Amino acid sequence: MTETMVKKEAGTQIDEELLEEARRQLGNVSPEEAINQALHELVENRRDRRGRAYDNLQRIADQGELDFDAIAEADR
């Protein structure tokens, strides 16, 4: 990450080089579009990861491989 920052009216600081790279990758969209798309992709990626983790945990529990009693005993 670079240290070059752009200060916006509301006091938000944005890494100018990262913003320009995002704009290029997204087809030279506006800065606002690049930021919104980046936020959207971040949130969707994290939601997907949490969903997969939950599904894996549920699968393990359904197979009887997750022993909550053993976990509770280990905490004592």
C-alpha atoms as a PDB file:
ATOM      1  CA  MET A   1       0.000   0.000   0.000  1.00  0.00           C
ATOM      2  CA  THR A   2       1.331   3.419  -0.826  1.00  0.00           C
ATOM      3  CA  GLU A   3       1.427   6.426   1.446  1.00  0.00           C
ATOM      4  CA  THR A   4      -0.034   8.831  -1.127  1.00  0.00           C
ATOM      5  CA  MET A   5      -3.430   9.925   0.102  1.00  0.00           C
ATOM      6  CA  VAL A   6      -6.144  12.161  -1.278  1.00  0.00           C
ATOM      7  CA  LYS A   7      -8.072  14.173   1.271  1.00  0.00           C
ATOM      8  CA  LYS A   8     -11.763  14.551   0.432  1.00  0.00           C
ATOM      9  CA  GLU A   9     -14.110  17.278   1.688  1.00  0.00           C
ATOM     10  CA  ALA A  10     -15.603  15.039   4.394  1.00  0.00           C
ATOM     11  CA  GLY A  11     -12.165  14.248   5.778  1.00  0.00           C
ATOM     12  CA  THR A  12     -11.940  10.777   4.222  1.00  0.00           C
ATOM     13  CA  GLN A  13      -8.450   9.819   3.116  1.00  0.00           C
ATOM     14  CA  ILE A  14      -8.110   7.510   0.126  1.00  0.00           C
ATOM     15  CA  ASP A  15      -4.937   5.966  -1.259  1.00  0.00           C
ATOM     16  CA  GLU A  16      -4.765   7.649  -4.669  1.00  0.00           C
ATOM     17  CA  GLU A  17      -2.634   4.953  -6.302  1.00  0.00           C
ATOM     18  CA  LEU A  18      -4.962   2.172  -5.150  1.00  0.00           C
ATOM     19  CA  LEU A  19      -7.955   4.148  -6.351  1.00  0.00           C
ATOM     20  CA  GLU A  20      -6.400   4.670  -9.776  1.00  0.00           C
ATOM     21  CA  GLU A  21      -5.520   0.972 -10.042  1.00  0.00           C
ATOM     22  CA  ALA A  22      -9.089   0.026  -9.113  1.00  0.00           C
ATOM     23  CA  ARG A  23     -10.450   2.460 -11.693  1.00  0.00           C
ATOM     24  CA  ARG A  24      -8.207   0.946 -14.398  1.00  0.00           C
ATOM     25  CA  GLN A  25      -9.194  -2.597 -13.490  1.00  0.00           C
ATOM     26  CA  LEU A  26     -12.880  -1.675 -13.581  1.00  0.00           C
ATOM     27  CA  GLY A  27     -12.659   0.058 -16.955  1.00  0.00           C
ATOM     28  CA  ASN A  28     -11.842   3.637 -15.972  1.00  0.00           C
ATOM     29  CA  VAL A  29     -15.008   4.165 -13.983  1.00  0.00           C
ATOM     30  CA  SER A  30     -15.494   7.215 -11.757  1.00  0.00           C
ATOM     31  CA  PRO A  31     -13.776   7.263  -8.388  1.00  0.00           C
ATOM     32  CA  GLU A  32     -17.139   6.846  -6.656  1.00  0.00           C
ATOM     33  CA  GLU A  33     -18.010   3.830  -8.802  1.00  0.00           C
ATOM     34  CA  ALA A  34     -14.616   2.264  -8.115  1.00  0.00           C
ATOM     35  CA  ILE A  35     -15.012   2.725  -4.359  1.00  0.00           C
ATOM     36  CA  ASN A  36     -18.568   1.390  -4.348  1.00  0.00           C
ATOM     37  CA  GLN A  37     -17.591  -1.621  -6.472  1.00  0.00           C
ATOM     38  CA  ALA A  38     -14.618  -2.360  -4.217  1.00  0.00           C
ATOM     39  CA  LEU A  39     -16.817  -2.168  -1.120  1.00  0.00           C
ATOM     40  CA  HIS A  40     -19.436  -4.370  -2.761  1.00  0.00           C
ATOM     41  CA  GLU A  41     -16.835  -6.999  -3.708  1.00  0.00           C
ATOM     42  CA  LEU A  42     -15.318  -6.948  -0.211  1.00  0.00           C
ATOM     43  CA  VAL A  43     -18.672  -7.402   1.503  1.00  0.00           C
ATOM     44  CA  GLU A  44     -19.796 -10.155  -0.891  1.00  0.00           C
ATOM     45  CA  ASN A  45     -16.465 -11.966  -0.515  1.00  0.00           C
ATOM     46  CA  ARG A  46     -16.699 -11.882   3.280  1.00  0.00           C
ATOM     47  CA  ARG A  47     -20.341 -13.023   3.207  1.00  0.00           C
ATOM     48  CA  ASP A  48     -19.394 -15.934   0.950  1.00  0.00           C
ATOM     49  CA  ARG A  49     -16.486 -16.923   3.201  1.00  0.00           C
ATOM     50  CA  ARG A  50     -18.682 -16.829   6.321  1.00  0.00           C
ATOM     51  CA  GLY A  51     -21.343 -18.854   4.529  1.00  0.00           C
ATOM     52  CA  ARG A  52     -18.834 -21.507   3.464  1.00  0.00           C
ATOM     53  CA  ALA A  53     -17.389 -21.654   6.985  1.00  0.00           C
ATOM     54  CA  TYR A  54     -20.866 -22.084   8.442  1.00  0.00           C
ATOM     55  CA  ASP A  55     -21.710 -24.804   5.899  1.00  0.00           C
ATOM     56  CA  ASN A  56     -18.475 -26.644   6.722  1.00  0.00           C
ATOM     57  CA  LEU A  57     -19.143 -26.396  10.452  1.00  0.00           C
ATOM     58  CA  GLN A  58     -22.687 -27.658   9.935  1.00  0.00           C
ATOM     59  CA  ARG A  59     -21.411 -30.589   7.833  1.00  0.00           C
ATOM     60  CA  ILE A  60     -18.878 -31.513  10.521  1.00  0.00           C
ATOM     61  CA  ALA A  61     -21.569 -31.321  13.217  1.00  0.00           C
ATOM     62  CA  ASP A  62     -24.002 -33.385  11.113  1.00  0.00           C
ATOM     63  CA  GLN A  63     -21.353 -36.083  10.701  1.00  0.00           C
ATOM     64  CA  GLY A  64     -20.920 -36.241  14.456  1.00  0.00           C
ATOM     65  CA  GLU A  65     -17.328 -35.094  14.246  1.00  0.00           C
ATOM     66  CA  LEU A  66     -17.911 -32.053  16.428  1.00  0.00           C
ATOM     67  CA  ASP A  67     -18.112 -32.890  20.100  1.00  0.00           C
ATOM     68  CA  PHE A  68     -19.305 -29.866  22.048  1.00  0.00           C
ATOM     69  CA  ASP A  69     -19.063 -31.790  25.338  1.00  0.00           C
ATOM     70  CA  ALA A  70     -15.343 -32.400  24.738  1.00  0.00           C
ATOM     71  CA  ILE A  71     -14.864 -28.701  24.070  1.00  0.00           C
ATOM     72  CA  ALA A  72     -16.681 -27.798  27.302  1.00  0.00           C
ATOM     73  CA  GLU A  73     -14.552 -30.300  29.241  1.00  0.00           C
ATOM     74  CA  ALA A  74     -11.370 -28.866  27.804  1.00  0.00           C
ATOM     75  CA  ASP A  75     -12.376 -25.417  29.054  1.00  0.00           C
ATOM     76  CA  ARG A  76     -12.750 -26.644  32.658  1.00  0.00           C
END
